[in-house]
Amino acid sequence: MSTPSACPVCTLENTYRDGEMNICPDCGHEWNDAAEAAPADETAKVVRDANGQILVDGDSVILVKDLKVKGSSITLKKGAKAKGIRLVDGDHDVDCKIDGVSLMLKSEFLKKA
């Protein structure tokens, strides 16, 4: 039987196994070694455009409809192109620049160029 690793939160080694979970009695943190050992690629979020194509960092995209920018009088026109997008976590999936303005957009309003 292998001994559990040190707690990733408080780094103390006073940990024990309970079934498949490791438990730290000092801070109360519970974790699973198998979940932490999973590669980052498997847990990464897949971002798809309006047509279902998978988007990756560095892609070029085109707007599929006119969008009003909140807090501004700018309207992004259908067909505007953004080069070199960056995928981010959160409510909006894509960070890009269109006409020199940095924007965060939802992928459902974009298509891969």
PDB file of N, CA and C in Angstrom:
ATOM      1  N   MET A   1       0.832  -1.184   0.000  1.00  0.00           N
ATOM      2  CA  MET A   1       0.000   0.000   0.000  1.00  0.00           C
ATOM      3  C   MET A   1       0.876   1.247   0.000  1.00  0.00           C
ATOM      4  N   SER A   2       0.618   2.146  -0.923  1.00  0.00           N
ATOM      5  CA  SER A   2       1.440   3.345  -1.034  1.00  0.00           C
ATOM      6  C   SER A   2       0.926   4.419  -0.085  1.00  0.00           C
ATOM      7  N   THR A   3       1.845   5.244   0.388  1.00  0.00           N
ATOM      8  CA  THR A   3       1.442   6.337   1.264  1.00  0.00           C
ATOM      9  C   THR A   3       1.021   7.514   0.414  1.00  0.00           C
ATOM     10  N   PRO A   4      -0.003   8.245   0.837  1.00  0.00           N
ATOM     11  CA  PRO A   4      -0.445   9.400   0.041  1.00  0.00           C
ATOM     12  C   PRO A   4       0.603  10.506   0.046  1.00  0.00           C
ATOM     13  N   SER A   5       0.552  11.313  -0.962  1.00  0.00           N
ATOM     14  CA  SER A   5       1.504  12.417  -1.088  1.00  0.00           C
ATOM     15  C   SER A   5       1.143  13.537  -0.117  1.00  0.00           C
ATOM     16  N   ALA A   6       2.012  14.518  -0.047  1.00  0.00           N
ATOM     17  CA  ALA A   6       1.776  15.671   0.818  1.00  0.00           C
ATOM     18  C   ALA A   6       0.586  16.470   0.303  1.00  0.00           C
ATOM     19  N   CYS A   7      -0.093  17.164   1.184  1.00  0.00           N
ATOM     20  CA  CYS A   7      -1.269  17.963   0.820  1.00  0.00           C
ATOM     21  C   CYS A   7      -0.855  19.090  -0.137  1.00  0.00           C
ATOM     22  N   PRO A   8      -1.553  19.242  -1.279  1.00  0.00           N
ATOM     23  CA  PRO A   8      -1.193  20.302  -2.217  1.00  0.00           C
ATOM     24  C   PRO A   8      -1.570  21.698  -1.725  1.00  0.00           C
ATOM     25  N   VAL A   9      -2.426  21.785  -0.707  1.00  0.00           N
ATOM     26  CA  VAL A   9      -2.849  23.092  -0.198  1.00  0.00           C
ATOM     27  C   VAL A   9      -1.921  23.583   0.903  1.00  0.00           C
ATOM     28  N   CYS A  10      -1.762  22.764   1.964  1.00  0.00           N
ATOM     29  CA  CYS A  10      -0.956  23.217   3.111  1.00  0.00           C
ATOM     30  C   CYS A  10       0.442  22.602   3.118  1.00  0.00           C
ATOM     31  N   THR A  11       0.748  21.692   2.223  1.00  0.00           N
ATOM     32  CA  THR A  11       2.032  21.011   2.030  1.00  0.00           C
ATOM     33  C   THR A  11       2.483  20.172   3.228  1.00  0.00           C
ATOM     34  N   LEU A  12       1.587  19.873   4.143  1.00  0.00           N
ATOM     35  CA  LEU A  12       1.936  19.001   5.263  1.00  0.00           C
ATOM     36  C   LEU A  12       1.789  17.550   4.829  1.00  0.00           C
ATOM     37  N   GLU A  13       2.566  16.676   5.452  1.00  0.00           N
ATOM     38  CA  GLU A  13       2.569  15.279   5.047  1.00  0.00           C
ATOM     39  C   GLU A  13       1.702  14.399   5.940  1.00  0.00           C
ATOM     40  N   ASN A  14       0.915  14.967   6.812  1.00  0.00           N
ATOM     41  CA  ASN A  14       0.023  14.230   7.703  1.00  0.00           C
ATOM     42  C   ASN A  14      -1.273  13.908   6.963  1.00  0.00           C
ATOM     43  N   THR A  15      -1.189  13.078   5.898  1.00  0.00           N
ATOM     44  CA  THR A  15      -2.348  12.760   5.073  1.00  0.00           C
ATOM     45  C   THR A  15      -2.637  11.268   5.142  1.00  0.00           C
ATOM     46  N   TYR A  16      -3.858  10.900   4.787  1.00  0.00           N
ATOM     47  CA  TYR A  16      -4.231   9.486   4.746  1.00  0.00           C
ATOM     48  C   TYR A  16      -5.205   9.245   3.606  1.00  0.00           C
ATOM     49  N   ARG A  17      -5.324   7.965   3.194  1.00  0.00           N
ATOM     50  CA  ARG A  17      -6.226   7.566   2.117  1.00  0.00           C
ATOM     51  C   ARG A  17      -7.535   7.078   2.710  1.00  0.00           C
ATOM     52  N   ASP A  18      -8.628   7.439   2.052  1.00  0.00           N
ATOM     53  CA  ASP A  18      -9.944   6.923   2.382  1.00  0.00           C
ATOM     54  C   ASP A  18     -10.585   6.492   1.073  1.00  0.00           C
ATOM     55  N   GLY A  19     -10.445   5.214   0.744  1.00  0.00           N
ATOM     56  CA  GLY A  19     -10.915   4.724  -0.547  1.00  0.00           C
ATOM     57  C   GLY A  19     -10.007   5.248  -1.641  1.00  0.00           C
ATOM     58  N   GLU A  20     -10.571   6.008  -2.571  1.00  0.00           N
ATOM     59  CA  GLU A  20      -9.780   6.584  -3.662  1.00  0.00           C
ATOM     60  C   GLU A  20      -9.304   8.003  -3.358  1.00  0.00           C
ATOM     61  N   MET A  21      -9.778   8.588  -2.288  1.00  0.00           N
ATOM     62  CA  MET A  21      -9.468   9.985  -1.964  1.00  0.00           C
ATOM     63  C   MET A  21      -8.334  10.083  -0.944  1.00  0.00           C
ATOM     64  N   ASN A  22      -7.520  11.123  -1.073  1.00  0.00           N
ATOM     65  CA  ASN A  22      -6.523  11.489  -0.077  1.00  0.00           C
ATOM     66  C   ASN A  22      -7.125  12.597   0.775  1.00  0.00           C
ATOM     67  N   ILE A  23      -6.890  12.550   2.080  1.00  0.00           N
ATOM     68  CA  ILE A  23      -7.471  13.533   2.986  1.00  0.00           C
ATOM     69  C   ILE A  23      -6.375  14.108   3.866  1.00  0.00           C
ATOM     70  N   CYS A  24      -6.406  15.429   4.047  1.00  0.00           N
ATOM     71  CA  CYS A  24      -5.484  16.119   4.949  1.00  0.00           C
ATOM     72  C   CYS A  24      -6.273  16.525   6.190  1.00  0.00           C
ATOM     73  N   PRO A  25      -5.980  15.925   7.342  1.00  0.00           N
ATOM     74  CA  PRO A  25      -6.723  16.276   8.554  1.00  0.00           C
ATOM     75  C   PRO A  25      -6.382  17.673   9.079  1.00  0.00           C
ATOM     76  N   ASP A  26      -5.255  18.237   8.659  1.00  0.00           N
ATOM     77  CA  ASP A  26      -4.846  19.555   9.148  1.00  0.00           C
ATOM     78  C   ASP A  26      -5.679  20.687   8.536  1.00  0.00           C
ATOM     79  N   CYS A  27      -5.882  20.634   7.207  1.00  0.00           N
ATOM     80  CA  CYS A  27      -6.629  21.717   6.550  1.00  0.00           C
ATOM     81  C   CYS A  27      -7.980  21.248   6.015  1.00  0.00           C
ATOM     82  N   GLY A  28      -8.225  19.924   5.991  1.00  0.00           N
ATOM     83  CA  GLY A  28      -9.506  19.406   5.532  1.00  0.00           C
ATOM     84  C   GLY A  28      -9.607  19.237   4.029  1.00  0.00           C
ATOM     85  N   HIS A  29      -8.532  19.450   3.307  1.00  0.00           N
ATOM     86  CA  HIS A  29      -8.554  19.330   1.842  1.00  0.00           C
ATOM     87  C   HIS A  29      -8.627  17.861   1.443  1.00  0.00           C
ATOM     88  N   GLU A  30      -9.453  17.555   0.428  1.00  0.00           N
ATOM     89  CA  GLU A  30      -9.562  16.208  -0.128  1.00  0.00           C
ATOM     90  C   GLU A  30      -9.214  16.264  -1.600  1.00  0.00           C
ATOM     91  N   TRP A  31      -8.445  15.287  -2.086  1.00  0.00           N
ATOM     92  CA  TRP A  31      -8.086  15.247  -3.487  1.00  0.00           C
ATOM     93  C   TRP A  31      -7.874  13.815  -3.930  1.00  0.00           C
ATOM     94  N   ASN A  32      -7.882  13.645  -5.244  1.00  0.00           N
ATOM     95  CA  ASN A  32      -7.696  12.337  -5.857  1.00  0.00           C
ATOM     96  C   ASN A  32      -6.439  12.405  -6.700  1.00  0.00           C
ATOM     97  N   ASP A  33      -5.482  11.519  -6.456  1.00  0.00           N
ATOM     98  CA  ASP A  33      -4.223  11.524  -7.217  1.00  0.00           C
ATOM     99  C   ASP A  33      -4.461  11.294  -8.699  1.00  0.00           C
ATOM    100  N   ALA A  34      -5.439  10.458  -9.048  1.00  0.00           N
ATOM    101  CA  ALA A  34      -5.715  10.164 -10.458  1.00  0.00           C
ATOM    102  C   ALA A  34      -6.218  11.405 -11.176  1.00  0.00           C
ATOM    103  N   ALA A  35      -7.028  12.225 -10.525  1.00  0.00           N
ATOM    104  CA  ALA A  35      -7.549  13.445 -11.149  1.00  0.00           C
ATOM    105  C   ALA A  35      -6.436  14.461 -11.383  1.00  0.00           C
ATOM    106  N   GLU A  36      -5.490  14.554 -10.460  1.00  0.00           N
ATOM    107  CA  GLU A  36      -4.396  15.512 -10.615  1.00  0.00           C
ATOM    108  C   GLU A  36      -3.380  15.032 -11.634  1.00  0.00           C
ATOM    109  N   ALA A  37      -3.294  13.720 -11.845  1.00  0.00           N
ATOM    110  CA  ALA A  37      -2.329  13.180 -12.792  1.00  0.00           C
ATOM    111  C   ALA A  37      -2.826  13.236 -14.230  1.00  0.00           C
ATOM    112  N   ALA A  38      -4.108  13.601 -14.434  1.00  0.00           N
ATOM    113  CA  ALA A  38      -4.665  13.668 -15.791  1.00  0.00           C
ATOM    114  C   ALA A  38      -3.971  14.782 -16.566  1.00  0.00           C
ATOM    115  N   PRO A  39      -3.649  14.541 -17.829  1.00  0.00           N
ATOM    116  CA  PRO A  39      -3.019  15.572 -18.635  1.00  0.00           C
ATOM    117  C   PRO A  39      -3.931  16.777 -18.813  1.00  0.00           C
ATOM    118  N   ALA A  40      -3.338  17.936 -18.984  1.00  0.00           N
ATOM    119  CA  ALA A  40      -4.113  19.171 -19.116  1.00  0.00           C
ATOM    120  C   ALA A  40      -4.946  19.171 -20.390  1.00  0.00           C
ATOM    121  N   ASP A  41      -4.489  18.451 -21.433  1.00  0.00           N
ATOM    122  CA  ASP A  41      -5.220  18.429 -22.693  1.00  0.00           C
ATOM    123  C   ASP A  41      -6.590  17.790 -22.554  1.00  0.00           C
ATOM    124  N   GLU A  42      -6.719  16.785 -21.685  1.00  0.00           N
ATOM    125  CA  GLU A  42      -7.992  16.101 -21.513  1.00  0.00           C
ATOM    126  C   GLU A  42      -9.013  16.977 -20.794  1.00  0.00           C
ATOM    127  N   THR A  43      -8.549  17.845 -19.921  1.00  0.00           N
ATOM    128  CA  THR A  43      -9.463  18.680 -19.157  1.00  0.00           C
ATOM    129  C   THR A  43      -9.686  20.044 -19.809  1.00  0.00           C
ATOM    130  N   ALA A  44      -8.981  20.329 -20.892  1.00  0.00           N
ATOM    131  CA  ALA A  44      -9.100  21.628 -21.547  1.00  0.00           C
ATOM    132  C   ALA A  44     -10.481  21.775 -22.196  1.00  0.00           C
ATOM    133  N   LYS A  45     -11.003  22.976 -22.144  1.00  0.00           N
ATOM    134  CA  LYS A  45     -12.298  23.266 -22.732  1.00  0.00           C
ATOM    135  C   LYS A  45     -12.156  23.377 -24.251  1.00  0.00           C
ATOM    136  N   VAL A  46     -13.081  22.763 -24.970  1.00  0.00           N
ATOM    137  CA  VAL A  46     -13.077  22.832 -26.429  1.00  0.00           C
ATOM    138  C   VAL A  46     -13.979  23.995 -26.837  1.00  0.00           C
ATOM    139  N   VAL A  47     -13.427  24.930 -27.597  1.00  0.00           N
ATOM    140  CA  VAL A  47     -14.178  26.099 -28.054  1.00  0.00           C
ATOM    141  C   VAL A  47     -14.524  25.900 -29.521  1.00  0.00           C
ATOM    142  N   ARG A  48     -15.820  26.025 -29.839  1.00  0.00           N
ATOM    143  CA  ARG A  48     -16.288  25.849 -31.216  1.00  0.00           C
ATOM    144  C   ARG A  48     -16.914  27.141 -31.713  1.00  0.00           C
ATOM    145  N   ASP A  49     -16.782  27.366 -33.025  1.00  0.00           N
ATOM    146  CA  ASP A  49     -17.372  28.566 -33.627  1.00  0.00           C
ATOM    147  C   ASP A  49     -18.841  28.328 -33.954  1.00  0.00           C
ATOM    148  N   ALA A  50     -19.469  29.270 -34.653  1.00  0.00           N
ATOM    149  CA  ALA A  50     -20.894  29.183 -34.983  1.00  0.00           C
ATOM    150  C   ALA A  50     -21.206  27.992 -35.882  1.00  0.00           C
ATOM    151  N   ASN A  51     -20.231  27.507 -36.640  1.00  0.00           N
ATOM    152  CA  ASN A  51     -20.431  26.368 -37.537  1.00  0.00           C
ATOM    153  C   ASN A  51     -19.988  25.043 -36.939  1.00  0.00           C
ATOM    154  N   GLY A  52     -19.492  25.057 -35.708  1.00  0.00           N
ATOM    155  CA  GLY A  52     -19.055  23.825 -35.056  1.00  0.00           C
ATOM    156  C   GLY A  52     -17.595  23.488 -35.252  1.00  0.00           C
ATOM    157  N   GLN A  53     -16.833  24.333 -35.919  1.00  0.00           N
ATOM    158  CA  GLN A  53     -15.402  24.112 -36.109  1.00  0.00           C
ATOM    159  C   GLN A  53     -14.669  24.411 -34.802  1.00  0.00           C
ATOM    160  N   ILE A  54     -13.646  23.635 -34.484  1.00  0.00           N
ATOM    161  CA  ILE A  54     -12.872  23.841 -33.265  1.00  0.00           C
ATOM    162  C   ILE A  54     -11.913  25.010 -33.470  1.00  0.00           C
ATOM    163  N   LEU A  55     -11.903  25.949 -32.522  1.00  0.00           N
ATOM    164  CA  LEU A  55     -11.001  27.097 -32.567  1.00  0.00           C
ATOM    165  C   LEU A  55      -9.799  26.838 -31.672  1.00  0.00           C
ATOM    166  N   VAL A  56      -8.634  27.310 -32.092  1.00  0.00           N
ATOM    167  CA  VAL A  56      -7.411  27.226 -31.302  1.00  0.00           C
ATOM    168  C   VAL A  56      -6.742  28.598 -31.293  1.00  0.00           C
ATOM    169  N   ASP A  57      -5.809  28.784 -30.366  1.00  0.00           N
ATOM    170  CA  ASP A  57      -5.070  30.046 -30.293  1.00  0.00           C
ATOM    171  C   ASP A  57      -4.385  30.328 -31.627  1.00  0.00           C
ATOM    172  N   GLY A  58      -4.470  31.586 -32.082  1.00  0.00           N
ATOM    173  CA  GLY A  58      -3.798  31.998 -33.309  1.00  0.00           C
ATOM    174  C   GLY A  58      -4.662  31.933 -34.550  1.00  0.00           C
ATOM    175  N   ASP A  59      -5.865  31.373 -34.450  1.00  0.00           N
ATOM    176  CA  ASP A  59      -6.758  31.313 -35.612  1.00  0.00           C
ATOM    177  C   ASP A  59      -7.228  32.707 -36.001  1.00  0.00           C
ATOM    178  N   SER A  60      -7.698  32.824 -37.232  1.00  0.00           N
ATOM    179  CA  SER A  60      -8.369  34.036 -37.695  1.00  0.00           C
ATOM    180  C   SER A  60      -9.862  33.729 -37.761  1.00  0.00           C
ATOM    181  N   VAL A  61     -10.674  34.700 -37.338  1.00  0.00           N
ATOM    182  CA  VAL A  61     -12.122  34.504 -37.308  1.00  0.00           C
ATOM    183  C   VAL A  61     -12.830  35.690 -37.940  1.00  0.00           C
ATOM    184  N   ILE A  62     -14.092  35.458 -38.330  1.00  0.00           N
ATOM    185  CA  ILE A  62     -14.924  36.491 -38.941  1.00  0.00           C
ATOM    186  C   ILE A  62     -16.237  36.561 -38.166  1.00  0.00           C
ATOM    187  N   LEU A  63     -16.733  37.785 -37.938  1.00  0.00           N
ATOM    188  CA  LEU A  63     -18.021  37.951 -37.265  1.00  0.00           C
ATOM    189  C   LEU A  63     -19.161  37.495 -38.172  1.00  0.00           C
ATOM    190  N   VAL A  64     -20.155  36.812 -37.597  1.00  0.00           N
ATOM    191  CA  VAL A  64     -21.276  36.326 -38.387  1.00  0.00           C
ATOM    192  C   VAL A  64     -22.508  37.219 -38.249  1.00  0.00           C
ATOM    193  N   LYS A  65     -22.463  38.215 -37.367  1.00  0.00           N
ATOM    194  CA  LYS A  65     -23.571  39.168 -37.241  1.00  0.00           C
ATOM    195  C   LYS A  65     -23.055  40.469 -36.644  1.00  0.00           C
ATOM    196  N   ASP A  66     -23.813  41.548 -36.823  1.00  0.00           N
ATOM    197  CA  ASP A  66     -23.451  42.829 -36.227  1.00  0.00           C
ATOM    198  C   ASP A  66     -23.565  42.735 -34.712  1.00  0.00           C
ATOM    199  N   LEU A  67     -22.591  43.312 -34.006  1.00  0.00           N
ATOM    200  CA  LEU A  67     -22.596  43.294 -32.545  1.00  0.00           C
ATOM    201  C   LEU A  67     -22.382  44.703 -32.012  1.00  0.00           C
ATOM    202  N   LYS A  68     -23.226  45.104 -31.056  1.00  0.00           N
ATOM    203  CA  LYS A  68     -23.017  46.374 -30.368  1.00  0.00           C
ATOM    204  C   LYS A  68     -22.084  46.115 -29.190  1.00  0.00           C
ATOM    205  N   VAL A  69     -21.114  47.010 -29.001  1.00  0.00           N
ATOM    206  CA  VAL A  69     -20.155  46.880 -27.909  1.00  0.00           C
ATOM    207  C   VAL A  69     -20.723  47.591 -26.694  1.00  0.00           C
ATOM    208  N   LYS A  70     -20.860  46.849 -25.592  1.00  0.00           N
ATOM    209  CA  LYS A  70     -21.415  47.422 -24.362  1.00  0.00           C
ATOM    210  C   LYS A  70     -20.542  48.559 -23.852  1.00  0.00           C
ATOM    211  N   GLY A  71     -21.176  49.634 -23.422  1.00  0.00           N
ATOM    212  CA  GLY A  71     -20.446  50.760 -22.858  1.00  0.00           C
ATOM    213  C   GLY A  71     -19.750  51.622 -23.889  1.00  0.00           C
ATOM    214  N   SER A  72     -20.108  51.455 -25.141  1.00  0.00           N
ATOM    215  CA  SER A  72     -19.469  52.200 -26.212  1.00  0.00           C
ATOM    216  C   SER A  72     -20.481  52.431 -27.325  1.00  0.00           C
ATOM    217  N   SER A  73     -20.174  53.351 -28.210  1.00  0.00           N
ATOM    218  CA  SER A  73     -21.048  53.597 -29.355  1.00  0.00           C
ATOM    219  C   SER A  73     -20.592  52.803 -30.581  1.00  0.00           C
ATOM    220  N   ILE A  74     -19.602  51.927 -30.394  1.00  0.00           N
ATOM    221  CA  ILE A  74     -19.050  51.142 -31.499  1.00  0.00           C
ATOM    222  C   ILE A  74     -19.984  49.982 -31.844  1.00  0.00           C
ATOM    223  N   THR A  75     -20.185  49.749 -33.129  1.00  0.00           N
ATOM    224  CA  THR A  75     -20.895  48.574 -33.610  1.00  0.00           C
ATOM    225  C   THR A  75     -19.952  47.796 -34.509  1.00  0.00           C
ATOM    226  N   LEU A  76     -19.716  46.542 -34.170  1.00  0.00           N
ATOM    227  CA  LEU A  76     -18.878  45.681 -34.994  1.00  0.00           C
ATOM    228  C   LEU A  76     -19.730  45.124 -36.118  1.00  0.00           C
ATOM    229  N   LYS A  77     -19.287  45.292 -37.339  1.00  0.00           N
ATOM    230  CA  LYS A  77     -20.065  44.895 -38.509  1.00  0.00           C
ATOM    231  C   LYS A  77     -19.819  43.433 -38.871  1.00  0.00           C
ATOM    232  N   LYS A  78     -20.848  42.813 -39.422  1.00  0.00           N
ATOM    233  CA  LYS A  78     -20.756  41.445 -39.912  1.00  0.00           C
ATOM    234  C   LYS A  78     -19.656  41.377 -40.962  1.00  0.00           C
ATOM    235  N   GLY A  79     -18.803  40.363 -40.869  1.00  0.00           N
ATOM    236  CA  GLY A  79     -17.713  40.204 -41.824  1.00  0.00           C
ATOM    237  C   GLY A  79     -16.394  40.787 -41.352  1.00  0.00           C
ATOM    238  N   ALA A  80     -16.386  41.490 -40.208  1.00  0.00           N
ATOM    239  CA  ALA A  80     -15.128  42.029 -39.680  1.00  0.00           C
ATOM    240  C   ALA A  80     -14.228  40.863 -39.281  1.00  0.00           C
ATOM    241  N   LYS A  81     -12.923  40.978 -39.574  1.00  0.00           N
ATOM    242  CA  LYS A  81     -11.988  39.881 -39.347  1.00  0.00           C
ATOM    243  C   LYS A  81     -11.067  40.182 -38.180  1.00  0.00           C
ATOM    244  N   ALA A  82     -10.831  39.154 -37.366  1.00  0.00           N
ATOM    245  CA  ALA A  82      -9.872  39.241 -36.261  1.00  0.00           C
ATOM    246  C   ALA A  82      -8.804  38.184 -36.504  1.00  0.00           C
ATOM    247  N   LYS A  83      -7.536  38.594 -36.479  1.00  0.00           N
ATOM    248  CA  LYS A  83      -6.423  37.672 -36.696  1.00  0.00           C
ATOM    249  C   LYS A  83      -5.750  37.373 -35.359  1.00  0.00           C
ATOM    250  N   GLY A  84      -5.244  36.178 -35.219  1.00  0.00           N
ATOM    251  CA  GLY A  84      -4.462  35.817 -34.030  1.00  0.00           C
ATOM    252  C   GLY A  84      -5.262  35.857 -32.751  1.00  0.00           C
ATOM    253  N   ILE A  85      -6.376  35.152 -32.703  1.00  0.00           N
ATOM    254  CA  ILE A  85      -7.205  35.155 -31.501  1.00  0.00           C
ATOM    255  C   ILE A  85      -6.511  34.421 -30.362  1.00  0.00           C
ATOM    256  N   ARG A  86      -7.013  34.663 -29.155  1.00  0.00           N
ATOM    257  CA  ARG A  86      -6.519  33.976 -27.972  1.00  0.00           C
ATOM    258  C   ARG A  86      -7.727  33.433 -27.223  1.00  0.00           C
ATOM    259  N   LEU A  87      -7.722  32.154 -26.871  1.00  0.00           N
ATOM    260  CA  LEU A  87      -8.826  31.548 -26.145  1.00  0.00           C
ATOM    261  C   LEU A  87      -8.630  31.776 -24.651  1.00  0.00           C
ATOM    262  N   VAL A  88      -9.720  32.145 -23.966  1.00  0.00           N
ATOM    263  CA  VAL A  88      -9.675  32.416 -22.534  1.00  0.00           C
ATOM    264  C   VAL A  88     -10.818  31.694 -21.850  1.00  0.00           C
ATOM    265  N   ASP A  89     -10.703  31.527 -20.541  1.00  0.00           N
ATOM    266  CA  ASP A  89     -11.778  30.946 -19.750  1.00  0.00           C
ATOM    267  C   ASP A  89     -12.722  32.046 -19.310  1.00  0.00           C
ATOM    268  N   GLY A  90     -13.954  31.673 -19.059  1.00  0.00           N
ATOM    269  CA  GLY A  90     -14.919  32.643 -18.562  1.00  0.00           C
ATOM    270  C   GLY A  90     -16.145  32.717 -19.443  1.00  0.00           C
ATOM    271  N   ASP A  91     -16.904  33.784 -19.249  1.00  0.00           N
ATOM    272  CA  ASP A  91     -18.156  33.974 -19.963  1.00  0.00           C
ATOM    273  C   ASP A  91     -17.919  34.152 -21.459  1.00  0.00           C
ATOM    274  N   HIS A  92     -16.897  34.896 -21.815  1.00  0.00           N
ATOM    275  CA  HIS A  92     -16.548  35.114 -23.217  1.00  0.00           C
ATOM    276  C   HIS A  92     -15.329  34.257 -23.544  1.00  0.00           C
ATOM    277  N   ASP A  93     -15.371  33.550 -24.676  1.00  0.00           N
ATOM    278  CA  ASP A  93     -14.357  32.548 -25.005  1.00  0.00           C
ATOM    279  C   ASP A  93     -13.125  33.096 -25.706  1.00  0.00           C
ATOM    280  N   VAL A  94     -13.276  34.188 -26.456  1.00  0.00           N
ATOM    281  CA  VAL A  94     -12.223  34.638 -27.363  1.00  0.00           C
ATOM    282  C   VAL A  94     -11.788  36.056 -27.028  1.00  0.00           C
ATOM    283  N   ASP A  95     -10.470  36.257 -26.972  1.00  0.00           N
ATOM    284  CA  ASP A  95      -9.877  37.578 -26.780  1.00  0.00           C
ATOM    285  C   ASP A  95      -9.212  37.940 -28.097  1.00  0.00           C
ATOM    286  N   CYS A  96      -9.577  39.097 -28.681  1.00  0.00           N
ATOM    287  CA  CYS A  96      -9.043  39.448 -30.002  1.00  0.00           C
ATOM    288  C   CYS A  96      -9.032  40.963 -30.191  1.00  0.00           C
ATOM    289  N   LYS A  97      -8.493  41.380 -31.332  1.00  0.00           N
ATOM    290  CA  LYS A  97      -8.510  42.788 -31.730  1.00  0.00           C
ATOM    291  C   LYS A  97      -9.209  42.905 -33.062  1.00  0.00           C
ATOM    292  N   ILE A  98     -10.179  43.824 -33.133  1.00  0.00           N
ATOM    293  CA  ILE A  98     -10.854  44.131 -34.392  1.00  0.00           C
ATOM    294  C   ILE A  98     -10.773  45.642 -34.573  1.00  0.00           C
ATOM    295  N   ASP A  99     -10.236  46.083 -35.681  1.00  0.00           N
ATOM    296  CA  ASP A  99     -10.050  47.505 -35.986  1.00  0.00           C
ATOM    297  C   ASP A  99      -9.290  48.230 -34.876  1.00  0.00           C
ATOM    298  N   GLY A 100      -8.279  47.570 -34.293  1.00  0.00           N
ATOM    299  CA  GLY A 100      -7.441  48.174 -33.271  1.00  0.00           C
ATOM    300  C   GLY A 100      -8.054  48.232 -31.888  1.00  0.00           C
ATOM    301  N   VAL A 101      -9.229  47.653 -31.691  1.00  0.00           N
ATOM    302  CA  VAL A 101      -9.906  47.655 -30.396  1.00  0.00           C
ATOM    303  C   VAL A 101      -9.839  46.251 -29.802  1.00  0.00           C
ATOM    304  N   SER A 102      -9.318  46.126 -28.579  1.00  0.00           N
ATOM    305  CA  SER A 102      -9.264  44.826 -27.915  1.00  0.00           C
ATOM    306  C   SER A 102     -10.645  44.465 -27.392  1.00  0.00           C
ATOM    307  N   LEU A 103     -11.091  43.249 -27.710  1.00  0.00           N
ATOM    308  CA  LEU A 103     -12.435  42.813 -27.350  1.00  0.00           C
ATOM    309  C   LEU A 103     -12.413  41.388 -26.833  1.00  0.00           C
ATOM    310  N   MET A 104     -13.418  41.060 -26.031  1.00  0.00           N
ATOM    311  CA  MET A 104     -13.677  39.683 -25.636  1.00  0.00           C
ATOM    312  C   MET A 104     -15.029  39.323 -26.224  1.00  0.00           C
ATOM    313  N   LEU A 105     -15.054  38.260 -27.032  1.00  0.00           N
ATOM    314  CA  LEU A 105     -16.262  37.864 -27.745  1.00  0.00           C
ATOM    315  C   LEU A 105     -16.637  36.431 -27.426  1.00  0.00           C
ATOM    316  N   LYS A 106     -17.905  36.114 -27.613  1.00  0.00           N
ATOM    317  CA  LYS A 106     -18.373  34.739 -27.486  1.00  0.00           C
ATOM    318  C   LYS A 106     -18.163  34.041 -28.824  1.00  0.00           C
ATOM    319  N   SER A 107     -17.759  32.805 -28.765  1.00  0.00           N
ATOM    320  CA  SER A 107     -17.425  32.062 -29.988  1.00  0.00           C
ATOM    321  C   SER A 107     -18.655  31.799 -30.858  1.00  0.00           C
ATOM    322  N   GLU A 108     -19.850  31.884 -30.306  1.00  0.00           N
ATOM    323  CA  GLU A 108     -21.060  31.626 -31.089  1.00  0.00           C
ATOM    324  C   GLU A 108     -21.314  32.703 -32.137  1.00  0.00           C
ATOM    325  N   PHE A 109     -20.643  33.853 -32.052  1.00  0.00           N
ATOM    326  CA  PHE A 109     -20.793  34.927 -33.015  1.00  0.00           C
ATOM    327  C   PHE A 109     -19.645  34.988 -34.014  1.00  0.00           C
ATOM    328  N   LEU A 110     -18.794  33.953 -34.030  1.00  0.00           N
ATOM    329  CA  LEU A 110     -17.619  33.936 -34.904  1.00  0.00           C
ATOM    330  C   LEU A 110     -17.614  32.685 -35.766  1.00  0.00           C
ATOM    331  N   LYS A 111     -16.958  32.795 -36.921  1.00  0.00           N
ATOM    332  CA  LYS A 111     -16.687  31.605 -37.730  1.00  0.00           C
ATOM    333  C   LYS A 111     -15.226  31.618 -38.124  1.00  0.00           C
ATOM    334  N   LYS A 112     -14.657  30.442 -38.248  1.00  0.00           N
ATOM    335  CA  LYS A 112     -13.251  30.309 -38.599  1.00  0.00           C
ATOM    336  C   LYS A 112     -13.027  30.798 -40.023  1.00  0.00           C
ATOM    337  N   ALA A 113     -11.974  31.617 -40.205  1.00  0.00           N
ATOM    338  CA  ALA A 113     -11.685  32.175 -41.541  1.00  0.00           C
ATOM    339  C   ALA A 113     -10.859  31.225 -42.365  1.00  0.00           C
TER     340      ALA A 113
END
